[in-house]
Amino acid sequence: MTFAVTENCIKCKFMDCVEVCPVDCFYEGENFLVIKPDECIDCAVCEPECPANAIVSDADERAAGWLQINEQYAGLWPKIMKRGEPPADAEEWKDKPGKAALLSPHPGSR
C-alpha cells in the first residue's frame, strides 16, 4: 500500500507533508507535489499534515488515476526533503475543484 497526492495539491503545494516524511519520498513539480510509490512506506504521517487534504491512501477511490501521475512525475521531478514556501496564492486555490487541467509537467525550481 502507498499514498498518492491528488488534484487538491495543484497550485497549493503547501509542503507540510514533506517535513514529516521519514523516507523523503516527495518530489516537486512547478505547481504540484508527488509521492514516489515504491519509496512510500505507508506510515500515513503525511496525510493529516496536508492543509489541502490532497494526500490519500491508494485504497481510497480518490487515488484513482493519481497513483499513475505520482509515479510518472516522481521519475522526472527533483526529490525534496525540506518544506519550502508555498505559492503566495495557495490559500485561494486550496478548496477549488477541477484543477487537474492546471497540473504543470515542469519540475520545481528549487
PDB file of N, CA and C in Angstrom:
ATOM      1  N   MET A   1       0.842  -1.174   0.000  1.00  0.00           N
ATOM      2  CA  MET A   1       0.000   0.000   0.000  1.00  0.00           C
ATOM      3  C   MET A   1       0.893   1.245   0.000  1.00  0.00           C
ATOM      4  N   THR A   2       0.359   2.307  -0.558  1.00  0.00           N
ATOM      5  CA  THR A   2       1.094   3.567  -0.645  1.00  0.00           C
ATOM      6  C   THR A   2       0.114   4.724  -0.564  1.00  0.00           C
ATOM      7  N   PHE A   3       0.619   5.904  -0.590  1.00  0.00           N
ATOM      8  CA  PHE A   3      -0.201   7.107  -0.605  1.00  0.00           C
ATOM      9  C   PHE A   3       0.065   7.853  -1.899  1.00  0.00           C
ATOM     10  N   ALA A   4      -0.891   8.698  -2.293  1.00  0.00           N
ATOM     11  CA  ALA A   4      -0.757   9.482  -3.515  1.00  0.00           C
ATOM     12  C   ALA A   4      -1.215  10.908  -3.252  1.00  0.00           C
ATOM     13  N   VAL A   5      -0.598  11.834  -3.943  1.00  0.00           N
ATOM     14  CA  VAL A   5      -1.021  13.230  -3.906  1.00  0.00           C
ATOM     15  C   VAL A   5      -2.041  13.392  -5.032  1.00  0.00           C
ATOM     16  N   THR A   6      -3.131  14.067  -4.727  1.00  0.00           N
ATOM     17  CA  THR A   6      -4.223  14.213  -5.689  1.00  0.00           C
ATOM     18  C   THR A   6      -4.395  15.670  -6.124  1.00  0.00           C
ATOM     19  N   GLU A   7      -5.399  15.879  -6.931  1.00  0.00           N
ATOM     20  CA  GLU A   7      -5.709  17.176  -7.540  1.00  0.00           C
ATOM     21  C   GLU A   7      -5.735  18.353  -6.561  1.00  0.00           C
ATOM     22  N   ASN A   8      -6.132  18.121  -5.332  1.00  0.00           N
ATOM     23  CA  ASN A   8      -6.233  19.224  -4.361  1.00  0.00           C
ATOM     24  C   ASN A   8      -4.913  19.948  -4.144  1.00  0.00           C
ATOM     25  N   CYS A   9      -3.797  19.309  -4.429  1.00  0.00           N
ATOM     26  CA  CYS A   9      -2.479  19.926  -4.238  1.00  0.00           C
ATOM     27  C   CYS A   9      -2.130  20.928  -5.331  1.00  0.00           C
ATOM     28  N   ILE A  10      -2.748  20.790  -6.484  1.00  0.00           N
ATOM     29  CA  ILE A  10      -2.394  21.638  -7.624  1.00  0.00           C
ATOM     30  C   ILE A  10      -2.595  23.111  -7.273  1.00  0.00           C
ATOM     31  N   LYS A  11      -1.542  23.871  -7.488  1.00  0.00           N
ATOM     32  CA  LYS A  11      -1.473  25.316  -7.243  1.00  0.00           C
ATOM     33  C   LYS A  11      -1.522  25.677  -5.758  1.00  0.00           C
ATOM     34  N   CYS A  12      -1.500  24.670  -4.877  1.00  0.00           N
ATOM     35  CA  CYS A  12      -1.436  24.928  -3.425  1.00  0.00           C
ATOM     36  C   CYS A  12      -0.014  24.646  -2.940  1.00  0.00           C
ATOM     37  N   LYS A  13       0.401  23.404  -3.098  1.00  0.00           N
ATOM     38  CA  LYS A  13       1.774  22.981  -2.795  1.00  0.00           C
ATOM     39  C   LYS A  13       2.259  23.517  -1.442  1.00  0.00           C
ATOM     40  N   PHE A  14       1.487  23.224  -0.383  1.00  0.00           N
ATOM     41  CA  PHE A  14       1.830  23.715   0.949  1.00  0.00           C
ATOM     42  C   PHE A  14       3.120  23.120   1.506  1.00  0.00           C
ATOM     43  N   MET A  15       3.401  21.872   1.233  1.00  0.00           N
ATOM     44  CA  MET A  15       4.636  21.172   1.602  1.00  0.00           C
ATOM     45  C   MET A  15       4.783  20.817   3.077  1.00  0.00           C
ATOM     46  N   ASP A  16       3.733  20.931   3.871  1.00  0.00           N
ATOM     47  CA  ASP A  16       3.799  20.486   5.264  1.00  0.00           C
ATOM     48  C   ASP A  16       4.121  18.983   5.318  1.00  0.00           C
ATOM     49  N   CYS A  17       3.636  18.254   4.343  1.00  0.00           N
ATOM     50  CA  CYS A  17       3.833  16.812   4.252  1.00  0.00           C
ATOM     51  C   CYS A  17       5.310  16.438   4.128  1.00  0.00           C
ATOM     52  N   VAL A  18       6.065  17.246   3.436  1.00  0.00           N
ATOM     53  CA  VAL A  18       7.481  16.971   3.193  1.00  0.00           C
ATOM     54  C   VAL A  18       8.259  16.924   4.500  1.00  0.00           C
ATOM     55  N   GLU A  19       7.944  17.821   5.393  1.00  0.00           N
ATOM     56  CA  GLU A  19       8.659  17.906   6.677  1.00  0.00           C
ATOM     57  C   GLU A  19       8.514  16.648   7.529  1.00  0.00           C
ATOM     58  N   VAL A  20       7.384  15.960   7.440  1.00  0.00           N
ATOM     59  CA  VAL A  20       7.136  14.814   8.326  1.00  0.00           C
ATOM     60  C   VAL A  20       7.468  13.462   7.703  1.00  0.00           C
ATOM     61  N   CYS A  21       7.765  13.435   6.426  1.00  0.00           N
ATOM     62  CA  CYS A  21       8.026  12.166   5.743  1.00  0.00           C
ATOM     63  C   CYS A  21       9.352  11.560   6.223  1.00  0.00           C
ATOM     64  N   PRO A  22       9.307  10.375   6.824  1.00  0.00           N
ATOM     65  CA  PRO A  22      10.543   9.773   7.339  1.00  0.00           C
ATOM     66  C   PRO A  22      11.450   9.171   6.263  1.00  0.00           C
ATOM     67  N   VAL A  23      10.926   9.004   5.043  1.00  0.00           N
ATOM     68  CA  VAL A  23      11.726   8.379   3.989  1.00  0.00           C
ATOM     69  C   VAL A  23      11.961   9.295   2.786  1.00  0.00           C
ATOM     70  N   ASP A  24      11.581  10.548   2.900  1.00  0.00           N
ATOM     71  CA  ASP A  24      11.814  11.522   1.833  1.00  0.00           C
ATOM     72  C   ASP A  24      11.360  11.018   0.465  1.00  0.00           C
ATOM     73  N   CYS A  25      10.070  10.740   0.352  1.00  0.00           N
ATOM     74  CA  CYS A  25       9.551  10.200  -0.909  1.00  0.00           C
ATOM     75  C   CYS A  25       8.753  11.217  -1.716  1.00  0.00           C
ATOM     76  N   PHE A  26       8.925  12.515  -1.423  1.00  0.00           N
ATOM     77  CA  PHE A  26       8.214  13.566  -2.156  1.00  0.00           C
ATOM     78  C   PHE A  26       9.098  14.162  -3.240  1.00  0.00           C
ATOM     79  N   TYR A  27       8.457  14.498  -4.347  1.00  0.00           N
ATOM     80  CA  TYR A  27       9.118  15.096  -5.499  1.00  0.00           C
ATOM     81  C   TYR A  27       8.326  16.335  -5.889  1.00  0.00           C
ATOM     82  N   GLU A  28       9.044  17.370  -6.347  1.00  0.00           N
ATOM     83  CA  GLU A  28       8.414  18.662  -6.559  1.00  0.00           C
ATOM     84  C   GLU A  28       8.304  19.068  -8.022  1.00  0.00           C
ATOM     85  N   GLY A  29       7.071  19.394  -8.390  1.00  0.00           N
ATOM     86  CA  GLY A  29       6.806  19.980  -9.689  1.00  0.00           C
ATOM     87  C   GLY A  29       6.594  21.470  -9.538  1.00  0.00           C
ATOM     88  N   GLU A  30       6.393  22.130 -10.633  1.00  0.00           N
ATOM     89  CA  GLU A  30       6.204  23.575 -10.627  1.00  0.00           C
ATOM     90  C   GLU A  30       5.013  23.993  -9.751  1.00  0.00           C
ATOM     91  N   ASN A  31       3.909  23.234  -9.815  1.00  0.00           N
ATOM     92  CA  ASN A  31       2.732  23.609  -9.024  1.00  0.00           C
ATOM     93  C   ASN A  31       2.059  22.423  -8.331  1.00  0.00           C
ATOM     94  N   PHE A  32       2.823  21.364  -8.091  1.00  0.00           N
ATOM     95  CA  PHE A  32       2.252  20.126  -7.554  1.00  0.00           C
ATOM     96  C   PHE A  32       3.365  19.284  -6.944  1.00  0.00           C
ATOM     97  N   LEU A  33       3.029  18.507  -5.945  1.00  0.00           N
ATOM     98  CA  LEU A  33       3.962  17.543  -5.356  1.00  0.00           C
ATOM     99  C   LEU A  33       3.480  16.146  -5.679  1.00  0.00           C
ATOM    100  N   VAL A  34       4.393  15.187  -5.715  1.00  0.00           N
ATOM    101  CA  VAL A  34       4.019  13.783  -5.876  1.00  0.00           C
ATOM    102  C   VAL A  34       4.800  12.927  -4.883  1.00  0.00           C
ATOM    103  N   ILE A  35       4.267  11.746  -4.636  1.00  0.00           N
ATOM    104  CA  ILE A  35       4.908  10.738  -3.793  1.00  0.00           C
ATOM    105  C   ILE A  35       5.383   9.624  -4.714  1.00  0.00           C
ATOM    106  N   LYS A  36       6.617   9.196  -4.540  1.00  0.00           N
ATOM    107  CA  LYS A  36       7.118   8.056  -5.321  1.00  0.00           C
ATOM    108  C   LYS A  36       6.591   6.783  -4.653  1.00  0.00           C
ATOM    109  N   PRO A  37       5.689   6.070  -5.327  1.00  0.00           N
ATOM    110  CA  PRO A  37       5.017   4.930  -4.696  1.00  0.00           C
ATOM    111  C   PRO A  37       5.943   3.854  -4.143  1.00  0.00           C
ATOM    112  N   ASP A  38       7.032   3.540  -4.838  1.00  0.00           N
ATOM    113  CA  ASP A  38       7.888   2.460  -4.345  1.00  0.00           C
ATOM    114  C   ASP A  38       8.844   2.909  -3.237  1.00  0.00           C
ATOM    115  N   GLU A  39       8.812   4.190  -2.889  1.00  0.00           N
ATOM    116  CA  GLU A  39       9.594   4.684  -1.751  1.00  0.00           C
ATOM    117  C   GLU A  39       8.719   4.897  -0.518  1.00  0.00           C
ATOM    118  N   CYS A  40       7.427   5.076  -0.723  1.00  0.00           N
ATOM    119  CA  CYS A  40       6.485   5.316   0.376  1.00  0.00           C
ATOM    120  C   CYS A  40       6.379   4.056   1.238  1.00  0.00           C
ATOM    121  N   ILE A  41       6.473   4.227   2.557  1.00  0.00           N
ATOM    122  CA  ILE A  41       6.394   3.082   3.473  1.00  0.00           C
ATOM    123  C   ILE A  41       5.026   2.973   4.137  1.00  0.00           C
ATOM    124  N   ASP A  42       4.062   3.728   3.651  1.00  0.00           N
ATOM    125  CA  ASP A  42       2.689   3.650   4.131  1.00  0.00           C
ATOM    126  C   ASP A  42       2.562   3.977   5.619  1.00  0.00           C
ATOM    127  N   CYS A  43       3.352   4.915   6.082  1.00  0.00           N
ATOM    128  CA  CYS A  43       3.292   5.281   7.503  1.00  0.00           C
ATOM    129  C   CYS A  43       2.127   6.219   7.805  1.00  0.00           C
ATOM    130  N   ALA A  44       1.622   6.915   6.784  1.00  0.00           N
ATOM    131  CA  ALA A  44       0.449   7.786   6.881  1.00  0.00           C
ATOM    132  C   ALA A  44       0.672   9.087   7.642  1.00  0.00           C
ATOM    133  N   VAL A  45       1.890   9.423   8.012  1.00  0.00           N
ATOM    134  CA  VAL A  45       2.090  10.668   8.767  1.00  0.00           C
ATOM    135  C   VAL A  45       1.885  11.911   7.893  1.00  0.00           C
ATOM    136  N   CYS A  46       2.029  11.786   6.599  1.00  0.00           N
ATOM    137  CA  CYS A  46       1.853  12.935   5.713  1.00  0.00           C
ATOM    138  C   CYS A  46       0.382  13.308   5.520  1.00  0.00           C
ATOM    139  N   GLU A  47      -0.471  12.329   5.519  1.00  0.00           N
ATOM    140  CA  GLU A  47      -1.889  12.554   5.206  1.00  0.00           C
ATOM    141  C   GLU A  47      -2.552  13.627   6.075  1.00  0.00           C
ATOM    142  N   PRO A  48      -2.468  13.550   7.402  1.00  0.00           N
ATOM    143  CA  PRO A  48      -3.126  14.579   8.214  1.00  0.00           C
ATOM    144  C   PRO A  48      -2.412  15.929   8.207  1.00  0.00           C
ATOM    145  N   GLU A  49      -1.184  15.970   7.727  1.00  0.00           N
ATOM    146  CA  GLU A  49      -0.426  17.220   7.696  1.00  0.00           C
ATOM    147  C   GLU A  49      -0.795  18.118   6.517  1.00  0.00           C
ATOM    148  N   CYS A  50      -1.458  17.583   5.526  1.00  0.00           N
ATOM    149  CA  CYS A  50      -1.774  18.339   4.316  1.00  0.00           C
ATOM    150  C   CYS A  50      -2.978  19.256   4.531  1.00  0.00           C
ATOM    151  N   PRO A  51      -2.760  20.573   4.496  1.00  0.00           N
ATOM    152  CA  PRO A  51      -3.858  21.521   4.690  1.00  0.00           C
ATOM    153  C   PRO A  51      -4.920  21.457   3.588  1.00  0.00           C
ATOM    154  N   ALA A  52      -4.546  20.939   2.428  1.00  0.00           N
ATOM    155  CA  ALA A  52      -5.476  20.860   1.299  1.00  0.00           C
ATOM    156  C   ALA A  52      -6.162  19.502   1.204  1.00  0.00           C
ATOM    157  N   ASN A  53      -5.877  18.608   2.148  1.00  0.00           N
ATOM    158  CA  ASN A  53      -6.443  17.251   2.109  1.00  0.00           C
ATOM    159  C   ASN A  53      -6.199  16.578   0.754  1.00  0.00           C
ATOM    160  N   ALA A  54      -4.994  16.734   0.258  1.00  0.00           N
ATOM    161  CA  ALA A  54      -4.649  16.234  -1.069  1.00  0.00           C
ATOM    162  C   ALA A  54      -3.998  14.864  -1.058  1.00  0.00           C
ATOM    163  N   ILE A  55      -3.663  14.329   0.108  1.00  0.00           N
ATOM    164  CA  ILE A  55      -2.966  13.045   0.185  1.00  0.00           C
ATOM    165  C   ILE A  55      -3.935  11.966   0.635  1.00  0.00           C
ATOM    166  N   VAL A  56      -4.001  10.890  -0.155  1.00  0.00           N
ATOM    167  CA  VAL A  56      -4.912   9.794   0.148  1.00  0.00           C
ATOM    168  C   VAL A  56      -4.209   8.451  -0.027  1.00  0.00           C
ATOM    169  N   SER A  57      -4.739   7.456   0.653  1.00  0.00           N
ATOM    170  CA  SER A  57      -4.249   6.085   0.516  1.00  0.00           C
ATOM    171  C   SER A  57      -4.614   5.566  -0.869  1.00  0.00           C
ATOM    172  N   ASP A  58      -3.815   4.650  -1.377  1.00  0.00           N
ATOM    173  CA  ASP A  58      -4.133   4.063  -2.678  1.00  0.00           C
ATOM    174  C   ASP A  58      -5.425   3.260  -2.639  1.00  0.00           C
ATOM    175  N   ALA A  59      -5.914   2.929  -1.451  1.00  0.00           N
ATOM    176  CA  ALA A  59      -7.183   2.217  -1.313  1.00  0.00           C
ATOM    177  C   ALA A  59      -8.383   3.164  -1.435  1.00  0.00           C
ATOM    178  N   ASP A  60      -8.141   4.445  -1.348  1.00  0.00           N
ATOM    179  CA  ASP A  60      -9.200   5.460  -1.445  1.00  0.00           C
ATOM    180  C   ASP A  60      -9.562   5.658  -2.916  1.00  0.00           C
ATOM    181  N   GLU A  61     -10.830   5.735  -3.214  1.00  0.00           N
ATOM    182  CA  GLU A  61     -11.262   5.907  -4.606  1.00  0.00           C
ATOM    183  C   GLU A  61     -10.759   7.212  -5.221  1.00  0.00           C
ATOM    184  N   ARG A  62     -10.448   8.207  -4.403  1.00  0.00           N
ATOM    185  CA  ARG A  62      -9.912   9.472  -4.919  1.00  0.00           C
ATOM    186  C   ARG A  62      -8.500   9.317  -5.484  1.00  0.00           C
ATOM    187  N   ALA A  63      -7.841   8.207  -5.179  1.00  0.00           N
ATOM    188  CA  ALA A  63      -6.483   7.966  -5.690  1.00  0.00           C
ATOM    189  C   ALA A  63      -6.484   7.479  -7.141  1.00  0.00           C
ATOM    190  N   ALA A  64      -7.631   7.054  -7.631  1.00  0.00           N
ATOM    191  CA  ALA A  64      -7.713   6.524  -8.995  1.00  0.00           C
ATOM    192  C   ALA A  64      -7.151   7.532  -9.991  1.00  0.00           C
ATOM    193  N   GLY A  65      -6.237   7.091 -10.793  1.00  0.00           N
ATOM    194  CA  GLY A  65      -5.604   7.945 -11.790  1.00  0.00           C
ATOM    195  C   GLY A  65      -4.424   8.737 -11.252  1.00  0.00           C
ATOM    196  N   TRP A  66      -4.476   9.112  -9.998  1.00  0.00           N
ATOM    197  CA  TRP A  66      -3.406   9.924  -9.415  1.00  0.00           C
ATOM    198  C   TRP A  66      -2.190   9.094  -9.038  1.00  0.00           C
ATOM    199  N   LEU A  67      -2.361   7.813  -8.784  1.00  0.00           N
ATOM    200  CA  LEU A  67      -1.203   6.949  -8.495  1.00  0.00           C
ATOM    201  C   LEU A  67      -0.263   6.921  -9.694  1.00  0.00           C
ATOM    202  N   GLN A  68      -0.825   6.796 -10.868  1.00  0.00           N
ATOM    203  CA  GLN A  68      -0.011   6.770 -12.087  1.00  0.00           C
ATOM    204  C   GLN A  68       0.689   8.112 -12.290  1.00  0.00           C
ATOM    205  N   ILE A  69      -0.008   9.205 -12.036  1.00  0.00           N
ATOM    206  CA  ILE A  69       0.592  10.539 -12.169  1.00  0.00           C
ATOM    207  C   ILE A  69       1.732  10.711 -11.172  1.00  0.00           C
ATOM    208  N   ASN A  70       1.520  10.248  -9.928  1.00  0.00           N
ATOM    209  CA  ASN A  70       2.576  10.330  -8.912  1.00  0.00           C
ATOM    210  C   ASN A  70       3.798   9.546  -9.356  1.00  0.00           C
ATOM    211  N   GLU A  71       3.583   8.341  -9.832  1.00  0.00           N
ATOM    212  CA  GLU A  71       4.705   7.505 -10.267  1.00  0.00           C
ATOM    213  C   GLU A  71       5.434   8.133 -11.459  1.00  0.00           C
ATOM    214  N   GLN A  72       4.694   8.623 -12.412  1.00  0.00           N
ATOM    215  CA  GLN A  72       5.288   9.223 -13.614  1.00  0.00           C
ATOM    216  C   GLN A  72       6.173  10.411 -13.266  1.00  0.00           C
ATOM    217  N   TYR A  73       5.631  11.359 -12.504  1.00  0.00           N
ATOM    218  CA  TYR A  73       6.385  12.583 -12.241  1.00  0.00           C
ATOM    219  C   TYR A  73       7.470  12.402 -11.183  1.00  0.00           C
ATOM    220  N   ALA A  74       7.329  11.417 -10.313  1.00  0.00           N
ATOM    221  CA  ALA A  74       8.409  11.154  -9.348  1.00  0.00           C
ATOM    222  C   ALA A  74       9.673  10.716 -10.074  1.00  0.00           C
ATOM    223  N   GLY A  75       9.525  10.173 -11.257  1.00  0.00           N
ATOM    224  CA  GLY A  75      10.671   9.781 -12.057  1.00  0.00           C
ATOM    225  C   GLY A  75      11.289  10.931 -12.844  1.00  0.00           C
ATOM    226  N   LEU A  76      10.616  12.070 -12.858  1.00  0.00           N
ATOM    227  CA  LEU A  76      11.077  13.211 -13.653  1.00  0.00           C
ATOM    228  C   LEU A  76      11.454  14.434 -12.827  1.00  0.00           C
ATOM    229  N   TRP A  77      10.818  14.598 -11.694  1.00  0.00           N
ATOM    230  CA  TRP A  77      10.995  15.806 -10.882  1.00  0.00           C
ATOM    231  C   TRP A  77      12.019  15.594  -9.781  1.00  0.00           C
ATOM    232  N   PRO A  78      12.566  16.687  -9.239  1.00  0.00           N
ATOM    233  CA  PRO A  78      13.564  16.559  -8.166  1.00  0.00           C
ATOM    234  C   PRO A  78      12.940  16.176  -6.824  1.00  0.00           C
ATOM    235  N   LYS A  79      13.685  15.366  -6.100  1.00  0.00           N
ATOM    236  CA  LYS A  79      13.290  14.972  -4.742  1.00  0.00           C
ATOM    237  C   LYS A  79      13.417  16.188  -3.833  1.00  0.00           C
ATOM    238  N   ILE A  80      12.481  16.332  -2.912  1.00  0.00           N
ATOM    239  CA  ILE A  80      12.596  17.397  -1.913  1.00  0.00           C
ATOM    240  C   ILE A  80      12.546  16.785  -0.524  1.00  0.00           C
ATOM    241  N   MET A  81      13.311  17.356   0.381  1.00  0.00           N
ATOM    242  CA  MET A  81      13.398  16.815   1.729  1.00  0.00           C
ATOM    243  C   MET A  81      13.082  17.844   2.799  1.00  0.00           C
ATOM    244  N   LYS A  82      12.859  19.080   2.373  1.00  0.00           N
ATOM    245  CA  LYS A  82      12.529  20.151   3.314  1.00  0.00           C
ATOM    246  C   LYS A  82      11.364  20.952   2.777  1.00  0.00           C
ATOM    247  N   ARG A  83      10.587  21.442   3.684  1.00  0.00           N
ATOM    248  CA  ARG A  83       9.441  22.272   3.324  1.00  0.00           C
ATOM    249  C   ARG A  83       9.938  23.581   2.731  1.00  0.00           C
ATOM    250  N   GLY A  84       9.356  23.954   1.627  1.00  0.00           N
ATOM    251  CA  GLY A  84       9.652  25.238   1.012  1.00  0.00           C
ATOM    252  C   GLY A  84       8.479  26.179   1.221  1.00  0.00           C
ATOM    253  N   GLU A  85       8.537  27.309   0.591  1.00  0.00           N
ATOM    254  CA  GLU A  85       7.446  28.284   0.680  1.00  0.00           C
ATOM    255  C   GLU A  85       6.348  27.913  -0.310  1.00  0.00           C
ATOM    256  N   PRO A  86       5.116  27.829   0.154  1.00  0.00           N
ATOM    257  CA  PRO A  86       4.021  27.584  -0.790  1.00  0.00           C
ATOM    258  C   PRO A  86       3.789  28.818  -1.646  1.00  0.00           C
ATOM    259  N   PRO A  87       3.083  28.669  -2.743  1.00  0.00           N
ATOM    260  CA  PRO A  87       2.787  29.831  -3.574  1.00  0.00           C
ATOM    261  C   PRO A  87       2.031  30.896  -2.769  1.00  0.00           C
ATOM    262  N   ALA A  88       2.229  32.154  -3.114  1.00  0.00           N
ATOM    263  CA  ALA A  88       1.586  33.257  -2.391  1.00  0.00           C
ATOM    264  C   ALA A  88       0.062  33.157  -2.416  1.00  0.00           C
ATOM    265  N   ASP A  89      -0.482  32.559  -3.474  1.00  0.00           N
ATOM    266  CA  ASP A  89      -1.942  32.450  -3.591  1.00  0.00           C
ATOM    267  C   ASP A  89      -2.462  31.044  -3.250  1.00  0.00           C
ATOM    268  N   ALA A  90      -1.696  30.268  -2.514  1.00  0.00           N
ATOM    269  CA  ALA A  90      -2.084  28.891  -2.183  1.00  0.00           C
ATOM    270  C   ALA A  90      -3.435  28.812  -1.484  1.00  0.00           C
ATOM    271  N   GLU A  91      -3.678  29.678  -0.536  1.00  0.00           N
ATOM    272  CA  GLU A  91      -4.956  29.658   0.193  1.00  0.00           C
ATOM    273  C   GLU A  91      -6.142  29.890  -0.741  1.00  0.00           C
ATOM    274  N   GLU A  92      -5.958  30.712  -1.744  1.00  0.00           N
ATOM    275  CA  GLU A  92      -7.035  30.985  -2.708  1.00  0.00           C
ATOM    276  C   GLU A  92      -7.382  29.744  -3.530  1.00  0.00           C
ATOM    277  N   TRP A  93      -6.384  28.889  -3.780  1.00  0.00           N
ATOM    278  CA  TRP A  93      -6.596  27.692  -4.585  1.00  0.00           C
ATOM    279  C   TRP A  93      -6.977  26.471  -3.754  1.00  0.00           C
ATOM    280  N   LYS A  94      -6.819  26.546  -2.467  1.00  0.00           N
ATOM    281  CA  LYS A  94      -6.926  25.395  -1.569  1.00  0.00           C
ATOM    282  C   LYS A  94      -8.161  24.517  -1.791  1.00  0.00           C
ATOM    283  N   ASP A  95      -9.318  25.060  -1.851  1.00  0.00           N
ATOM    284  CA  ASP A  95     -10.534  24.240  -1.933  1.00  0.00           C
ATOM    285  C   ASP A  95     -11.232  24.308  -3.287  1.00  0.00           C
ATOM    286  N   LYS A  96     -10.526  24.763  -4.297  1.00  0.00           N
ATOM    287  CA  LYS A  96     -11.144  24.868  -5.616  1.00  0.00           C
ATOM    288  C   LYS A  96     -11.132  23.504  -6.312  1.00  0.00           C
ATOM    289  N   PRO A  97     -12.266  23.083  -6.822  1.00  0.00           N
ATOM    290  CA  PRO A  97     -12.330  21.819  -7.566  1.00  0.00           C
ATOM    291  C   PRO A  97     -11.908  22.014  -9.021  1.00  0.00           C
ATOM    292  N   GLY A  98     -11.723  20.924  -9.717  1.00  0.00           N
ATOM    293  CA  GLY A  98     -11.449  20.973 -11.145  1.00  0.00           C
ATOM    294  C   GLY A  98     -10.114  21.552 -11.540  1.00  0.00           C
ATOM    295  N   LYS A  99      -9.075  21.261 -10.777  1.00  0.00           N
ATOM    296  CA  LYS A  99      -7.752  21.830 -11.066  1.00  0.00           C
ATOM    297  C   LYS A  99      -6.861  20.899 -11.893  1.00  0.00           C
ATOM    298  N   ALA A 100      -7.328  19.717 -12.227  1.00  0.00           N
ATOM    299  CA  ALA A 100      -6.477  18.735 -12.917  1.00  0.00           C
ATOM    300  C   ALA A 100      -5.852  19.291 -14.194  1.00  0.00           C
ATOM    301  N   ALA A 101      -6.596  20.082 -14.945  1.00  0.00           N
ATOM    302  CA  ALA A 101      -6.081  20.629 -16.204  1.00  0.00           C
ATOM    303  C   ALA A 101      -4.967  21.650 -15.973  1.00  0.00           C
ATOM    304  N   LEU A 102      -4.817  22.114 -14.739  1.00  0.00           N
ATOM    305  CA  LEU A 102      -3.798  23.114 -14.416  1.00  0.00           C
ATOM    306  C   LEU A 102      -2.465  22.497 -13.984  1.00  0.00           C
ATOM    307  N   LEU A 103      -2.413  21.170 -13.899  1.00  0.00           N
ATOM    308  CA  LEU A 103      -1.181  20.482 -13.489  1.00  0.00           C
ATOM    309  C   LEU A 103      -0.063  20.761 -14.489  1.00  0.00           C
ATOM    310  N   SER A 104       0.998  21.371 -14.004  1.00  0.00           N
ATOM    311  CA  SER A 104       2.152  21.662 -14.857  1.00  0.00           C
ATOM    312  C   SER A 104       3.086  20.454 -14.887  1.00  0.00           C
ATOM    313  N   PRO A 105       3.564  20.062 -16.066  1.00  0.00           N
ATOM    314  CA  PRO A 105       4.510  18.943 -16.156  1.00  0.00           C
ATOM    315  C   PRO A 105       5.947  19.341 -15.839  1.00  0.00           C
ATOM    316  N   HIS A 106       6.168  20.617 -15.581  1.00  0.00           N
ATOM    317  CA  HIS A 106       7.522  21.114 -15.350  1.00  0.00           C
ATOM    318  C   HIS A 106       7.996  20.859 -13.919  1.00  0.00           C
ATOM    319  N   PRO A 107       9.280  20.595 -13.742  1.00  0.00           N
ATOM    320  CA  PRO A 107       9.810  20.365 -12.400  1.00  0.00           C
ATOM    321  C   PRO A 107       9.818  21.640 -11.571  1.00  0.00           C
ATOM    322  N   GLY A 108       9.910  21.456 -10.262  1.00  0.00           N
ATOM    323  CA  GLY A 108      10.041  22.589  -9.361  1.00  0.00           C
ATOM    324  C   GLY A 108      11.367  23.293  -9.587  1.00  0.00           C
ATOM    325  N   SER A 109      11.452  24.513  -9.104  1.00  0.00           N
ATOM    326  CA  SER A 109      12.637  25.314  -9.417  1.00  0.00           C
ATOM    327  C   SER A 109      13.621  25.458  -8.267  1.00  0.00           C
ATOM    328  N   ARG A 110      13.494  24.669  -7.223  1.00  0.00           N
ATOM    329  CA  ARG A 110      14.433  24.802  -6.108  1.00  0.00           C
ATOM    330  C   ARG A 110      15.733  24.161  -6.426  1.00  0.00           C
TER     331      ARG A 110
END
